[in-house]
Amino acid sequence: MSTLKYFIGCVAVASFLSCNKDESFDVKGDPDTVFFTNSESLGNMPVNSASYTVVNIPDGAGWANLSSTLPASIKLPVFATKPVSQDVTISAQLDNTLVASYNAANNTAYKELPAGILNTQSLTARIAQGATTSVDSLSIAVDPANLKTLTEKAYMAPIKLTTVSNGSVGKITSNTAIQAVYVVLNTELRQIRFLATAADVTGSLQSRTGWSVGFTPAPATNGSVTDGLTTTFTRWGTTPGQVDIDMLSSRAVTGLRLYTTTTAAQLPTQVEVYTSVDGINYDLIGSPLRANLTFATPYNYVLFYRAIQARYIRLRISYSTSTNTQNTRLTELDVYAN
């Protein structure tokens, strides 16, 4: 799957009105009144789009929705290049054929949004006589109950303008860039519990006798991280530092306990967690940031929502650019498993 581009959608009506619509898309030269959409967005996404995020977490054998930025109803205004001569209603509909064409043109891999998430039936917006912006927007109701079914990285729902209630008032633009709005949902399948504490621990601490531990790059100070002592540690001269552990046998891992520092301000800026059953193919489980970690004197807990079968564990630990030597080291690494 190609790297998907992310952006922040600007969907508030006030934001739309602050943009110069006709100059942005060069429709001033058309002598007719032309109707179009324009959800100004940032980044390398479709220029006419609105983006939202969905976070799902493991729940039994499936997934449960933890959070999303979706409102109860997505509002998409419609615009006219000139004040309309009389009240007019613009209709729109979902057009999933535009997903494939966008992917082909931009080397992306968006999926069509499954039915049951957005209600795209009977989409209309009215522009009052003398106005250039719709009084009411295209309104798409959202059903949050079905967000837990989303497991792909990103989905797209193109909403295309289709008809005008009175053709004598104006016409739909022929400019494909502003003929449809792309509603995008970016999905995170989060397997690591943010801000976990000892109270969230499941499973038991595993004996580390005989475990194989390797470090990349070669540490400036090469000490044990599995001896149970807080006076021995590994310190890297560069960041990130990588730790590879072979637990000698596969087990149902429920999380990790790290001793990295003695103060919350010097926690790692990011901890990337990978697991493997064969030591060759690794799965990225998650990459919590410092803000997602709780300092619990002296441990940090990186706990999984659901046990993950693994023999090998790899951590890539990033630190800030601070020169404090407390800020580039790992003292202890424990594993919880069922």
C-alpha atoms as a PDB file:
ATOM      1  CA  MET A   1       0.000   0.000   0.000  1.00  0.00           C
ATOM      2  CA  SER A   2       1.400   3.390  -0.872  1.00  0.00           C
ATOM      3  CA  THR A   3       2.011   5.982   1.775  1.00  0.00           C
ATOM      4  CA  LEU A   4      -1.219   7.719   2.477  1.00  0.00           C
ATOM      5  CA  LYS A   5      -1.255  11.477   2.820  1.00  0.00           C
ATOM      6  CA  TYR A   6      -2.835  13.081   5.790  1.00  0.00           C
ATOM      7  CA  PHE A   7      -4.223  16.588   6.224  1.00  0.00           C
ATOM      8  CA  ILE A   8      -6.492  18.731   8.342  1.00  0.00           C
ATOM      9  CA  GLY A   9      -9.837  19.498   6.658  1.00  0.00           C
ATOM     10  CA  CYS A  10     -11.316  22.999   6.937  1.00  0.00           C
ATOM     11  CA  VAL A  11     -15.035  22.454   7.131  1.00  0.00           C
ATOM     12  CA  ALA A  12     -16.401  25.351   9.190  1.00  0.00           C
ATOM     13  CA  VAL A  13     -18.615  27.689   7.202  1.00  0.00           C
ATOM     14  CA  ALA A  14     -16.669  30.676   8.463  1.00  0.00           C
ATOM     15  CA  SER A  15     -13.505  29.202   7.018  1.00  0.00           C
ATOM     16  CA  PHE A  16     -15.134  28.650   3.649  1.00  0.00           C
ATOM     17  CA  LEU A  17     -16.308  32.226   3.508  1.00  0.00           C
ATOM     18  CA  SER A  18     -12.813  33.516   4.213  1.00  0.00           C
ATOM     19  CA  CYS A  19     -11.524  31.905   1.014  1.00  0.00           C
ATOM     20  CA  ASN A  20     -11.713  33.631  -2.368  1.00  0.00           C
ATOM     21  CA  LYS A  21     -13.632  30.937  -4.227  1.00  0.00           C
ATOM     22  CA  ASP A  22     -13.888  32.247  -7.766  1.00  0.00           C
ATOM     23  CA  GLU A  23     -10.278  33.417  -7.948  1.00  0.00           C
ATOM     24  CA  SER A  24      -9.016  30.128  -6.477  1.00  0.00           C
ATOM     25  CA  PHE A  25     -10.459  28.062  -9.282  1.00  0.00           C
ATOM     26  CA  ASP A  26     -10.611  30.556 -12.154  1.00  0.00           C
ATOM     27  CA  VAL A  27     -14.337  30.405 -12.818  1.00  0.00           C
ATOM     28  CA  LYS A  28     -14.842  34.171 -13.133  1.00  0.00           C
ATOM     29  CA  GLY A  29     -14.542  34.053 -16.902  1.00  0.00           C
ATOM     30  CA  ASP A  30     -17.709  31.982 -17.349  1.00  0.00           C
ATOM     31  CA  PRO A  31     -20.628  34.302 -18.247  1.00  0.00           C
ATOM     32  CA  ASP A  32     -23.115  31.925 -16.600  1.00  0.00           C
ATOM     33  CA  THR A  33     -23.717  31.483 -12.893  1.00  0.00           C
ATOM     34  CA  VAL A  34     -21.779  28.384 -11.926  1.00  0.00           C
ATOM     35  CA  PHE A  35     -22.284  26.269  -8.788  1.00  0.00           C
ATOM     36  CA  PHE A  36     -19.331  24.581  -7.105  1.00  0.00           C
ATOM     37  CA  THR A  37     -17.920  23.291  -3.824  1.00  0.00           C
ATOM     38  CA  ASN A  38     -14.626  24.156  -2.182  1.00  0.00           C
ATOM     39  CA  SER A  39     -13.597  22.695   1.155  1.00  0.00           C
ATOM     40  CA  GLU A  40     -10.152  24.248   1.553  1.00  0.00           C
ATOM     41  CA  SER A  41      -7.691  21.645   2.839  1.00  0.00           C
ATOM     42  CA  LEU A  42      -4.021  21.445   3.715  1.00  0.00           C
ATOM     43  CA  GLY A  43      -1.292  19.082   2.606  1.00  0.00           C
ATOM     44  CA  ASN A  44      -1.198  16.832  -0.438  1.00  0.00           C
ATOM     45  CA  MET A  45      -4.762  15.565  -0.227  1.00  0.00           C
ATOM     46  CA  PRO A  46      -7.535  16.440  -2.671  1.00  0.00           C
ATOM     47  CA  VAL A  47      -7.782  20.226  -2.631  1.00  0.00           C
ATOM     48  CA  ASN A  48     -11.542  19.957  -2.188  1.00  0.00           C
ATOM     49  CA  SER A  49     -11.872  17.742   0.855  1.00  0.00           C
ATOM     50  CA  ALA A  50     -12.685  17.315   4.545  1.00  0.00           C
ATOM     51  CA  SER A  51     -10.675  14.944   6.728  1.00  0.00           C
ATOM     52  CA  TYR A  52     -11.498  13.158   9.997  1.00  0.00           C
ATOM     53  CA  THR A  53      -9.778  10.588  12.200  1.00  0.00           C
ATOM     54  CA  VAL A  54     -11.116   7.395  13.758  1.00  0.00           C
ATOM     55  CA  VAL A  55      -9.315   5.478  16.527  1.00  0.00           C
ATOM     56  CA  ASN A  56     -10.338   1.847  17.077  1.00  0.00           C
ATOM     57  CA  ILE A  57      -8.971  -0.466  19.771  1.00  0.00           C
ATOM     58  CA  PRO A  58      -9.110  -4.267  20.220  1.00  0.00           C
ATOM     59  CA  ASP A  59     -12.288  -5.569  21.795  1.00  0.00           C
ATOM     60  CA  GLY A  60     -12.471  -9.336  22.152  1.00  0.00           C
ATOM     61  CA  ALA A  61     -11.984 -10.831  18.705  1.00  0.00           C
ATOM     62  CA  GLY A  62     -12.888  -7.577  16.947  1.00  0.00           C
ATOM     63  CA  TRP A  63     -12.541  -3.832  17.388  1.00  0.00           C
ATOM     64  CA  ALA A  64     -14.303  -1.110  19.368  1.00  0.00           C
ATOM     65  CA  ASN A  65     -14.342   2.589  18.586  1.00  0.00           C
ATOM     66  CA  LEU A  66     -12.328   4.634  21.077  1.00  0.00           C
ATOM     67  CA  SER A  67     -12.702   8.086  19.538  1.00  0.00           C
ATOM     68  CA  SER A  68     -13.224  10.065  16.358  1.00  0.00           C
ATOM     69  CA  THR A  69     -13.247  13.669  15.172  1.00  0.00           C
ATOM     70  CA  LEU A  70     -16.434  13.160  13.171  1.00  0.00           C
ATOM     71  CA  PRO A  71     -19.325  15.479  14.041  1.00  0.00           C
ATOM     72  CA  ALA A  72     -22.909  14.224  14.235  1.00  0.00           C
ATOM     73  CA  SER A  73     -23.439  15.761  10.803  1.00  0.00           C
ATOM     74  CA  ILE A  74     -20.869  16.809   8.179  1.00  0.00           C
ATOM     75  CA  LYS A  75     -21.763  20.181   6.628  1.00  0.00           C
ATOM     76  CA  LEU A  76     -20.527  20.967   3.102  1.00  0.00           C
ATOM     77  CA  PRO A  77     -21.499  24.391   1.692  1.00  0.00           C
ATOM     78  CA  VAL A  78     -22.196  25.054  -1.985  1.00  0.00           C
ATOM     79  CA  PHE A  79     -21.186  28.292  -3.736  1.00  0.00           C
ATOM     80  CA  ALA A  80     -22.198  30.332  -6.803  1.00  0.00           C
ATOM     81  CA  THR A  81     -19.887  32.491  -8.889  1.00  0.00           C
ATOM     82  CA  LYS A  82     -22.519  35.258  -8.977  1.00  0.00           C
ATOM     83  CA  PRO A  83     -25.518  36.272  -6.867  1.00  0.00           C
ATOM     84  CA  VAL A  84     -28.369  34.015  -8.001  1.00  0.00           C
ATOM     85  CA  SER A  85     -31.432  35.578  -9.642  1.00  0.00           C
ATOM     86  CA  GLN A  86     -33.847  33.494  -7.549  1.00  0.00           C
ATOM     87  CA  ASP A  87     -33.843  30.762  -4.884  1.00  0.00           C
ATOM     88  CA  VAL A  88     -32.246  27.602  -6.217  1.00  0.00           C
ATOM     89  CA  THR A  89     -31.520  24.133  -4.814  1.00  0.00           C
ATOM     90  CA  ILE A  90     -28.384  22.168  -5.697  1.00  0.00           C
ATOM     91  CA  SER A  91     -28.427  18.375  -5.342  1.00  0.00           C
ATOM     92  CA  ALA A  92     -25.484  16.023  -4.787  1.00  0.00           C
ATOM     93  CA  GLN A  93     -24.842  12.312  -4.423  1.00  0.00           C
ATOM     94  CA  LEU A  94     -22.153   9.836  -3.417  1.00  0.00           C
ATOM     95  CA  ASP A  95     -20.017   8.831  -6.424  1.00  0.00           C
ATOM     96  CA  ASN A  96     -17.670   5.987  -5.491  1.00  0.00           C
ATOM     97  CA  THR A  97     -16.275   5.774  -9.031  1.00  0.00           C
ATOM     98  CA  LEU A  98     -14.167   8.816  -8.147  1.00  0.00           C
ATOM     99  CA  VAL A  99     -12.239   6.817  -5.504  1.00  0.00           C
ATOM    100  CA  ALA A 100     -10.571   4.597  -8.102  1.00  0.00           C
ATOM    101  CA  SER A 101      -9.861   7.502 -10.427  1.00  0.00           C
ATOM    102  CA  TYR A 102      -8.293   9.545  -7.623  1.00  0.00           C
ATOM    103  CA  ASN A 103      -6.127   6.586  -6.562  1.00  0.00           C
ATOM    104  CA  ALA A 104      -4.973   6.011 -10.141  1.00  0.00           C
ATOM    105  CA  ALA A 105      -4.106   9.660 -10.655  1.00  0.00           C
ATOM    106  CA  ASN A 106      -2.322  10.159  -7.333  1.00  0.00           C
ATOM    107  CA  ASN A 107      -0.807   6.731  -6.552  1.00  0.00           C
ATOM    108  CA  THR A 108      -2.820   6.392  -3.349  1.00  0.00           C
ATOM    109  CA  ALA A 109      -4.841   3.508  -1.951  1.00  0.00           C
ATOM    110  CA  TYR A 110      -8.032   4.887  -0.435  1.00  0.00           C
ATOM    111  CA  LYS A 111     -10.856   2.436   0.123  1.00  0.00           C
ATOM    112  CA  GLU A 112     -14.502   3.104  -0.551  1.00  0.00           C
ATOM    113  CA  LEU A 113     -16.232   3.930   2.711  1.00  0.00           C
ATOM    114  CA  PRO A 114     -18.565   1.041   3.664  1.00  0.00           C
ATOM    115  CA  ALA A 115     -22.298   1.613   3.839  1.00  0.00           C
ATOM    116  CA  GLY A 116     -23.696   2.459   7.244  1.00  0.00           C
ATOM    117  CA  ILE A 117     -21.186   5.152   8.238  1.00  0.00           C
ATOM    118  CA  LEU A 118     -22.505   8.169   6.330  1.00  0.00           C
ATOM    119  CA  ASN A 119     -26.078   8.831   5.248  1.00  0.00           C
ATOM    120  CA  THR A 120     -25.635  10.306   1.777  1.00  0.00           C
ATOM    121  CA  GLN A 121     -29.288  10.109   0.702  1.00  0.00           C
ATOM    122  CA  SER A 122     -31.182  13.230  -0.425  1.00  0.00           C
ATOM    123  CA  LEU A 123     -28.284  15.677  -0.273  1.00  0.00           C
ATOM    124  CA  THR A 124     -29.374  19.213  -1.141  1.00  0.00           C
ATOM    125  CA  ALA A 125     -28.268  22.787  -0.441  1.00  0.00           C
ATOM    126  CA  ARG A 126     -30.299  25.963  -1.062  1.00  0.00           C
ATOM    127  CA  ILE A 127     -28.881  29.285  -2.222  1.00  0.00           C
ATOM    128  CA  ALA A 128     -31.227  32.212  -1.619  1.00  0.00           C
ATOM    129  CA  GLN A 129     -31.930  34.917  -4.182  1.00  0.00           C
ATOM    130  CA  GLY A 130     -29.096  37.456  -4.324  1.00  0.00           C
ATOM    131  CA  ALA A 131     -26.637  35.202  -2.439  1.00  0.00           C
ATOM    132  CA  THR A 132     -23.506  33.313  -3.510  1.00  0.00           C
ATOM    133  CA  THR A 133     -23.287  30.884  -0.569  1.00  0.00           C
ATOM    134  CA  SER A 134     -25.815  28.249   0.374  1.00  0.00           C
ATOM    135  CA  VAL A 135     -28.143  29.061   3.268  1.00  0.00           C
ATOM    136  CA  ASP A 136     -28.001  25.426   4.318  1.00  0.00           C
ATOM    137  CA  SER A 137     -25.183  23.013   3.508  1.00  0.00           C
ATOM    138  CA  LEU A 138     -25.124  19.530   2.091  1.00  0.00           C
ATOM    139  CA  SER A 139     -25.736  17.706   5.363  1.00  0.00           C
ATOM    140  CA  ILE A 140     -24.389  14.173   5.835  1.00  0.00           C
ATOM    141  CA  ALA A 141     -25.511  12.375   9.006  1.00  0.00           C
ATOM    142  CA  VAL A 142     -22.894  10.167  10.702  1.00  0.00           C
ATOM    143  CA  ASP A 143     -23.637   6.841  12.422  1.00  0.00           C
ATOM    144  CA  PRO A 144     -20.878   6.367  15.052  1.00  0.00           C
ATOM    145  CA  ALA A 145     -22.110   2.860  15.915  1.00  0.00           C
ATOM    146  CA  ASN A 146     -20.463   1.480  12.781  1.00  0.00           C
ATOM    147  CA  LEU A 147     -17.073   3.174  13.110  1.00  0.00           C
ATOM    148  CA  LYS A 148     -15.712   0.048  14.816  1.00  0.00           C
ATOM    149  CA  THR A 149     -15.966  -1.785  11.472  1.00  0.00           C
ATOM    150  CA  LEU A 150     -13.273   0.424   9.887  1.00  0.00           C
ATOM    151  CA  THR A 151      -9.943  -1.415   9.703  1.00  0.00           C
ATOM    152  CA  GLU A 152      -8.244   0.069   6.614  1.00  0.00           C
ATOM    153  CA  LYS A 153      -5.846   2.997   6.928  1.00  0.00           C
ATOM    154  CA  ALA A 154      -7.922   5.497   4.980  1.00  0.00           C
ATOM    155  CA  TYR A 155     -11.321   5.718   3.313  1.00  0.00           C
ATOM    156  CA  MET A 156     -12.802   8.157   0.826  1.00  0.00           C
ATOM    157  CA  ALA A 157     -16.408   9.165   0.126  1.00  0.00           C
ATOM    158  CA  PRO A 158     -16.699  11.552  -2.883  1.00  0.00           C
ATOM    159  CA  ILE A 159     -19.801  13.762  -2.778  1.00  0.00           C
ATOM    160  CA  LYS A 160     -20.486  15.096  -6.286  1.00  0.00           C
ATOM    161  CA  LEU A 161     -22.797  17.968  -7.302  1.00  0.00           C
ATOM    162  CA  THR A 162     -25.353  16.615  -9.768  1.00  0.00           C
ATOM    163  CA  THR A 163     -28.362  18.842 -10.557  1.00  0.00           C
ATOM    164  CA  VAL A 164     -29.800  22.358 -10.256  1.00  0.00           C
ATOM    165  CA  SER A 165     -33.499  22.807  -9.447  1.00  0.00           C
ATOM    166  CA  ASN A 166     -33.852  25.556 -12.066  1.00  0.00           C
ATOM    167  CA  GLY A 167     -31.467  25.397 -15.019  1.00  0.00           C
ATOM    168  CA  SER A 168     -32.204  28.988 -15.992  1.00  0.00           C
ATOM    169  CA  VAL A 169     -30.510  30.217 -12.806  1.00  0.00           C
ATOM    170  CA  GLY A 170     -27.168  28.514 -13.384  1.00  0.00           C
ATOM    171  CA  LYS A 171     -25.276  25.279 -13.929  1.00  0.00           C
ATOM    172  CA  ILE A 172     -22.964  22.840 -12.131  1.00  0.00           C
ATOM    173  CA  THR A 173     -19.307  23.580 -12.794  1.00  0.00           C
ATOM    174  CA  SER A 174     -17.506  21.406 -15.321  1.00  0.00           C
ATOM    175  CA  ASN A 175     -14.282  21.784 -13.345  1.00  0.00           C
ATOM    176  CA  THR A 176     -13.824  18.325 -11.797  1.00  0.00           C
ATOM    177  CA  ALA A 177     -11.626  19.750  -9.016  1.00  0.00           C
ATOM    178  CA  ILE A 178     -14.581  21.623  -7.487  1.00  0.00           C
ATOM    179  CA  GLN A 179     -17.428  19.426  -8.680  1.00  0.00           C
ATOM    180  CA  ALA A 180     -17.038  16.955  -5.798  1.00  0.00           C
ATOM    181  CA  VAL A 181     -15.987  17.082  -2.157  1.00  0.00           C
ATOM    182  CA  TYR A 182     -13.847  14.198  -0.877  1.00  0.00           C
ATOM    183  CA  VAL A 183     -14.764  13.168   2.668  1.00  0.00           C
ATOM    184  CA  VAL A 184     -11.756  11.256   4.045  1.00  0.00           C
ATOM    185  CA  LEU A 185     -11.609   9.069   7.151  1.00  0.00           C
ATOM    186  CA  ASN A 186      -8.126   8.157   8.448  1.00  0.00           C
ATOM    187  CA  THR A 187      -8.221   5.103  10.718  1.00  0.00           C
ATOM    188  CA  GLU A 188      -5.809   4.229  13.524  1.00  0.00           C
ATOM    189  CA  LEU A 189      -5.976   0.692  14.918  1.00  0.00           C
ATOM    190  CA  ARG A 190      -4.418   1.429  18.302  1.00  0.00           C
ATOM    191  CA  GLN A 191      -3.017  -1.612  20.101  1.00  0.00           C
ATOM    192  CA  ILE A 192      -1.099   0.218  22.854  1.00  0.00           C
ATOM    193  CA  ARG A 193      -2.974   1.794  25.765  1.00  0.00           C
ATOM    194  CA  PHE A 194      -2.014   5.457  26.174  1.00  0.00           C
ATOM    195  CA  LEU A 195      -1.054   6.769  29.648  1.00  0.00           C
ATOM    196  CA  ALA A 196      -1.040   3.264  31.096  1.00  0.00           C
ATOM    197  CA  THR A 197      -0.160   2.690  34.754  1.00  0.00           C
ATOM    198  CA  ALA A 198       0.532  -0.330  36.935  1.00  0.00           C
ATOM    199  CA  ALA A 199      -3.208  -0.606  37.583  1.00  0.00           C
ATOM    200  CA  ASP A 200      -3.729  -1.462  33.900  1.00  0.00           C
ATOM    201  CA  VAL A 201      -1.275  -4.376  33.891  1.00  0.00           C
ATOM    202  CA  THR A 202      -2.500  -7.820  32.847  1.00  0.00           C
ATOM    203  CA  GLY A 203      -0.386 -10.942  32.806  1.00  0.00           C
ATOM    204  CA  SER A 204       2.706 -11.517  34.933  1.00  0.00           C
ATOM    205  CA  LEU A 205       6.350 -10.470  34.755  1.00  0.00           C
ATOM    206  CA  GLN A 206       8.387 -13.019  32.846  1.00  0.00           C
ATOM    207  CA  SER A 207      11.675 -14.549  33.973  1.00  0.00           C
ATOM    208  CA  ARG A 208      14.423 -13.138  31.760  1.00  0.00           C
ATOM    209  CA  THR A 209      16.994 -15.849  32.461  1.00  0.00           C
ATOM    210  CA  GLY A 210      18.955 -16.710  29.316  1.00  0.00           C
ATOM    211  CA  TRP A 211      17.306 -14.105  27.116  1.00  0.00           C
ATOM    212  CA  SER A 212      19.378 -12.781  24.220  1.00  0.00           C
ATOM    213  CA  VAL A 213      19.609  -8.961  24.069  1.00  0.00           C
ATOM    214  CA  GLY A 214      21.181  -6.928  21.258  1.00  0.00           C
ATOM    215  CA  PHE A 215      21.632  -3.188  20.732  1.00  0.00           C
ATOM    216  CA  THR A 216      21.774  -1.082  17.559  1.00  0.00           C
ATOM    217  CA  PRO A 217      23.804   1.052  17.085  1.00  0.00           C
ATOM    218  CA  ALA A 218      26.596  -0.031  19.381  1.00  0.00           C
ATOM    219  CA  PRO A 219      25.951   1.753  22.702  1.00  0.00           C
ATOM    220  CA  ALA A 220      28.371   4.227  24.239  1.00  0.00           C
ATOM    221  CA  THR A 221      27.735   2.366  27.507  1.00  0.00           C
ATOM    222  CA  ASN A 222      26.815  -1.294  27.126  1.00  0.00           C
ATOM    223  CA  GLY A 223      25.118  -2.518  30.288  1.00  0.00           C
ATOM    224  CA  SER A 224      22.485  -5.140  31.015  1.00  0.00           C
ATOM    225  CA  VAL A 225      18.809  -4.173  30.827  1.00  0.00           C
ATOM    226  CA  THR A 226      17.562  -7.536  32.114  1.00  0.00           C
ATOM    227  CA  ASP A 227      19.545  -8.036  35.340  1.00  0.00           C
ATOM    228  CA  GLY A 228      17.082  -6.379  37.713  1.00  0.00           C
ATOM    229  CA  LEU A 229      19.595  -3.727  38.741  1.00  0.00           C
ATOM    230  CA  THR A 230      19.065   0.023  38.376  1.00  0.00           C
ATOM    231  CA  THR A 231      22.808   0.667  38.551  1.00  0.00           C
ATOM    232  CA  THR A 232      23.486  -0.973  35.172  1.00  0.00           C
ATOM    233  CA  PHE A 233      22.192   0.494  31.937  1.00  0.00           C
ATOM    234  CA  THR A 234      22.729   0.960  28.220  1.00  0.00           C
ATOM    235  CA  ARG A 235      23.357   4.455  26.908  1.00  0.00           C
ATOM    236  CA  TRP A 236      23.464   5.447  23.234  1.00  0.00           C
ATOM    237  CA  GLY A 237      25.481   8.266  21.744  1.00  0.00           C
ATOM    238  CA  THR A 238      22.890   8.709  18.985  1.00  0.00           C
ATOM    239  CA  THR A 239      19.127   8.494  18.799  1.00  0.00           C
ATOM    240  CA  PRO A 240      17.078   6.398  18.263  1.00  0.00           C
ATOM    241  CA  GLY A 241      18.545   3.424  20.062  1.00  0.00           C
ATOM    242  CA  GLN A 242      17.292  -0.058  19.187  1.00  0.00           C
ATOM    243  CA  VAL A 243      16.909  -3.022  21.521  1.00  0.00           C
ATOM    244  CA  ASP A 244      16.247  -6.557  20.217  1.00  0.00           C
ATOM    245  CA  ILE A 245      15.183  -9.304  22.620  1.00  0.00           C
ATOM    246  CA  ASP A 246      14.801 -13.024  22.018  1.00  0.00           C
ATOM    247  CA  MET A 247      12.683 -14.520  24.818  1.00  0.00           C
ATOM    248  CA  LEU A 248      13.667 -18.053  23.693  1.00  0.00           C
ATOM    249  CA  SER A 249      10.040 -19.152  23.371  1.00  0.00           C
ATOM    250  CA  SER A 250       6.786 -17.710  22.093  1.00  0.00           C
ATOM    251  CA  ARG A 251       4.374 -16.275  24.647  1.00  0.00           C
ATOM    252  CA  ALA A 252       1.223 -14.155  24.807  1.00  0.00           C
ATOM    253  CA  VAL A 253       2.762 -10.756  25.512  1.00  0.00           C
ATOM    254  CA  THR A 254       0.491  -8.224  27.252  1.00  0.00           C
ATOM    255  CA  GLY A 255       2.934  -5.355  27.642  1.00  0.00           C
ATOM    256  CA  LEU A 256       6.309  -3.977  28.708  1.00  0.00           C
ATOM    257  CA  ARG A 257       7.715  -2.245  31.757  1.00  0.00           C
ATOM    258  CA  LEU A 258      10.577   0.165  31.062  1.00  0.00           C
ATOM    259  CA  TYR A 259      12.962   1.962  33.387  1.00  0.00           C
ATOM    260  CA  THR A 260      14.406   4.753  31.256  1.00  0.00           C
ATOM    261  CA  THR A 261      14.944   7.732  33.538  1.00  0.00           C
ATOM    262  CA  THR A 262      14.321   9.179  36.984  1.00  0.00           C
ATOM    263  CA  THR A 263      12.225  12.185  35.898  1.00  0.00           C
ATOM    264  CA  ALA A 264       9.133  12.583  33.712  1.00  0.00           C
ATOM    265  CA  ALA A 265      10.783  15.389  31.716  1.00  0.00           C
ATOM    266  CA  GLN A 266      13.403  12.950  30.409  1.00  0.00           C
ATOM    267  CA  LEU A 267      11.108  10.194  29.179  1.00  0.00           C
ATOM    268  CA  PRO A 268      11.755   8.994  25.620  1.00  0.00           C
ATOM    269  CA  THR A 269      10.141  11.238  23.040  1.00  0.00           C
ATOM    270  CA  GLN A 270       8.867   8.108  21.245  1.00  0.00           C
ATOM    271  CA  VAL A 271       8.925   4.345  21.736  1.00  0.00           C
ATOM    272  CA  GLU A 272       8.329   2.202  18.654  1.00  0.00           C
ATOM    273  CA  VAL A 273       7.263  -1.329  19.587  1.00  0.00           C
ATOM    274  CA  TYR A 274       7.649  -4.282  17.207  1.00  0.00           C
ATOM    275  CA  THR A 275       6.958  -7.980  17.757  1.00  0.00           C
ATOM    276  CA  SER A 276       7.857 -11.093  15.785  1.00  0.00           C
ATOM    277  CA  VAL A 277       7.308 -14.816  16.004  1.00  0.00           C
ATOM    278  CA  ASP A 278      10.275 -15.769  13.800  1.00  0.00           C
ATOM    279  CA  GLY A 279      12.838 -12.988  14.309  1.00  0.00           C
ATOM    280  CA  ILE A 280      12.624 -12.067  10.618  1.00  0.00           C
ATOM    281  CA  ASN A 281       9.207 -10.522  10.038  1.00  0.00           C
ATOM    282  CA  TYR A 282       8.301  -7.821  12.542  1.00  0.00           C
ATOM    283  CA  ASP A 283       4.939  -6.118  13.085  1.00  0.00           C
ATOM    284  CA  LEU A 284       4.779  -2.517  14.295  1.00  0.00           C
ATOM    285  CA  ILE A 285       2.429  -2.605  17.290  1.00  0.00           C
ATOM    286  CA  GLY A 286       2.491   1.115  18.009  1.00  0.00           C
ATOM    287  CA  SER A 287       4.625   4.229  18.504  1.00  0.00           C
ATOM    288  CA  PRO A 288       3.524   6.068  21.653  1.00  0.00           C
ATOM    289  CA  LEU A 289       4.987   9.531  22.173  1.00  0.00           C
ATOM    290  CA  ARG A 290       6.200  11.061  25.436  1.00  0.00           C
ATOM    291  CA  ALA A 291       2.745  12.608  25.908  1.00  0.00           C
ATOM    292  CA  ASN A 292       1.254   9.103  25.755  1.00  0.00           C
ATOM    293  CA  LEU A 293       3.527   7.701  28.476  1.00  0.00           C
ATOM    294  CA  THR A 294       3.011   7.970  32.223  1.00  0.00           C
ATOM    295  CA  PHE A 295       6.015   8.368  34.489  1.00  0.00           C
ATOM    296  CA  ALA A 296       5.384   6.139  37.501  1.00  0.00           C
ATOM    297  CA  THR A 297       8.569   6.329  39.569  1.00  0.00           C
ATOM    298  CA  PRO A 298      10.607   4.863  38.120  1.00  0.00           C
ATOM    299  CA  TYR A 299       8.777   2.802  35.480  1.00  0.00           C
ATOM    300  CA  ASN A 300       6.933   3.522  32.250  1.00  0.00           C
ATOM    301  CA  TYR A 301       4.293   1.021  31.176  1.00  0.00           C
ATOM    302  CA  VAL A 302       3.737   0.164  27.522  1.00  0.00           C
ATOM    303  CA  LEU A 303       0.686  -2.093  27.710  1.00  0.00           C
ATOM    304  CA  PHE A 304      -1.287  -3.807  24.947  1.00  0.00           C
ATOM    305  CA  TYR A 305      -5.072  -3.818  24.768  1.00  0.00           C
ATOM    306  CA  ARG A 306      -4.917  -7.450  23.636  1.00  0.00           C
ATOM    307  CA  ALA A 307      -2.215 -10.082  24.180  1.00  0.00           C
ATOM    308  CA  ILE A 308       0.081 -10.514  21.167  1.00  0.00           C
ATOM    309  CA  GLN A 309       1.831 -13.792  20.446  1.00  0.00           C
ATOM    310  CA  ALA A 310       5.559 -13.191  20.063  1.00  0.00           C
ATOM    311  CA  ARG A 311       9.009 -14.567  20.775  1.00  0.00           C
ATOM    312  CA  TYR A 312      10.998 -11.520  19.676  1.00  0.00           C
ATOM    313  CA  ILE A 313      10.537  -7.901  20.767  1.00  0.00           C
ATOM    314  CA  ARG A 314      12.182  -4.872  19.185  1.00  0.00           C
ATOM    315  CA  LEU A 315      12.124  -1.367  20.629  1.00  0.00           C
ATOM    316  CA  ARG A 316      13.313   1.767  18.860  1.00  0.00           C
ATOM    317  CA  ILE A 317      13.656   4.440  21.522  1.00  0.00           C
ATOM    318  CA  SER A 318      13.979   8.085  20.512  1.00  0.00           C
ATOM    319  CA  TYR A 319      15.102  10.886  22.796  1.00  0.00           C
ATOM    320  CA  SER A 320      15.141  14.654  22.629  1.00  0.00           C
ATOM    321  CA  THR A 321      18.270  16.546  21.675  1.00  0.00           C
ATOM    322  CA  SER A 322      19.023  17.234  25.341  1.00  0.00           C
ATOM    323  CA  THR A 323      22.649  16.568  26.282  1.00  0.00           C
ATOM    324  CA  ASN A 324      21.607  15.304  29.721  1.00  0.00           C
ATOM    325  CA  THR A 325      23.032  11.782  29.990  1.00  0.00           C
ATOM    326  CA  GLN A 326      19.844  10.620  31.722  1.00  0.00           C
ATOM    327  CA  ASN A 327      18.068  11.231  28.467  1.00  0.00           C
ATOM    328  CA  THR A 328      19.670   8.613  26.249  1.00  0.00           C
ATOM    329  CA  ARG A 329      19.565   5.429  28.251  1.00  0.00           C
ATOM    330  CA  LEU A 330      17.586   2.296  29.112  1.00  0.00           C
ATOM    331  CA  THR A 331      18.086   0.690  32.525  1.00  0.00           C
ATOM    332  CA  GLU A 332      15.536  -2.148  32.651  1.00  0.00           C
ATOM    333  CA  LEU A 333      13.169  -3.861  30.203  1.00  0.00           C
ATOM    334  CA  ASP A 334      10.578  -6.265  31.608  1.00  0.00           C
ATOM    335  CA  VAL A 335       7.897  -8.190  29.735  1.00  0.00           C
ATOM    336  CA  TYR A 336       4.390  -9.106  30.898  1.00  0.00           C
ATOM    337  CA  ALA A 337       2.704 -12.150  29.384  1.00  0.00           C
ATOM    338  CA  ASN A 338      -0.148 -14.553  30.098  1.00  0.00           C
END
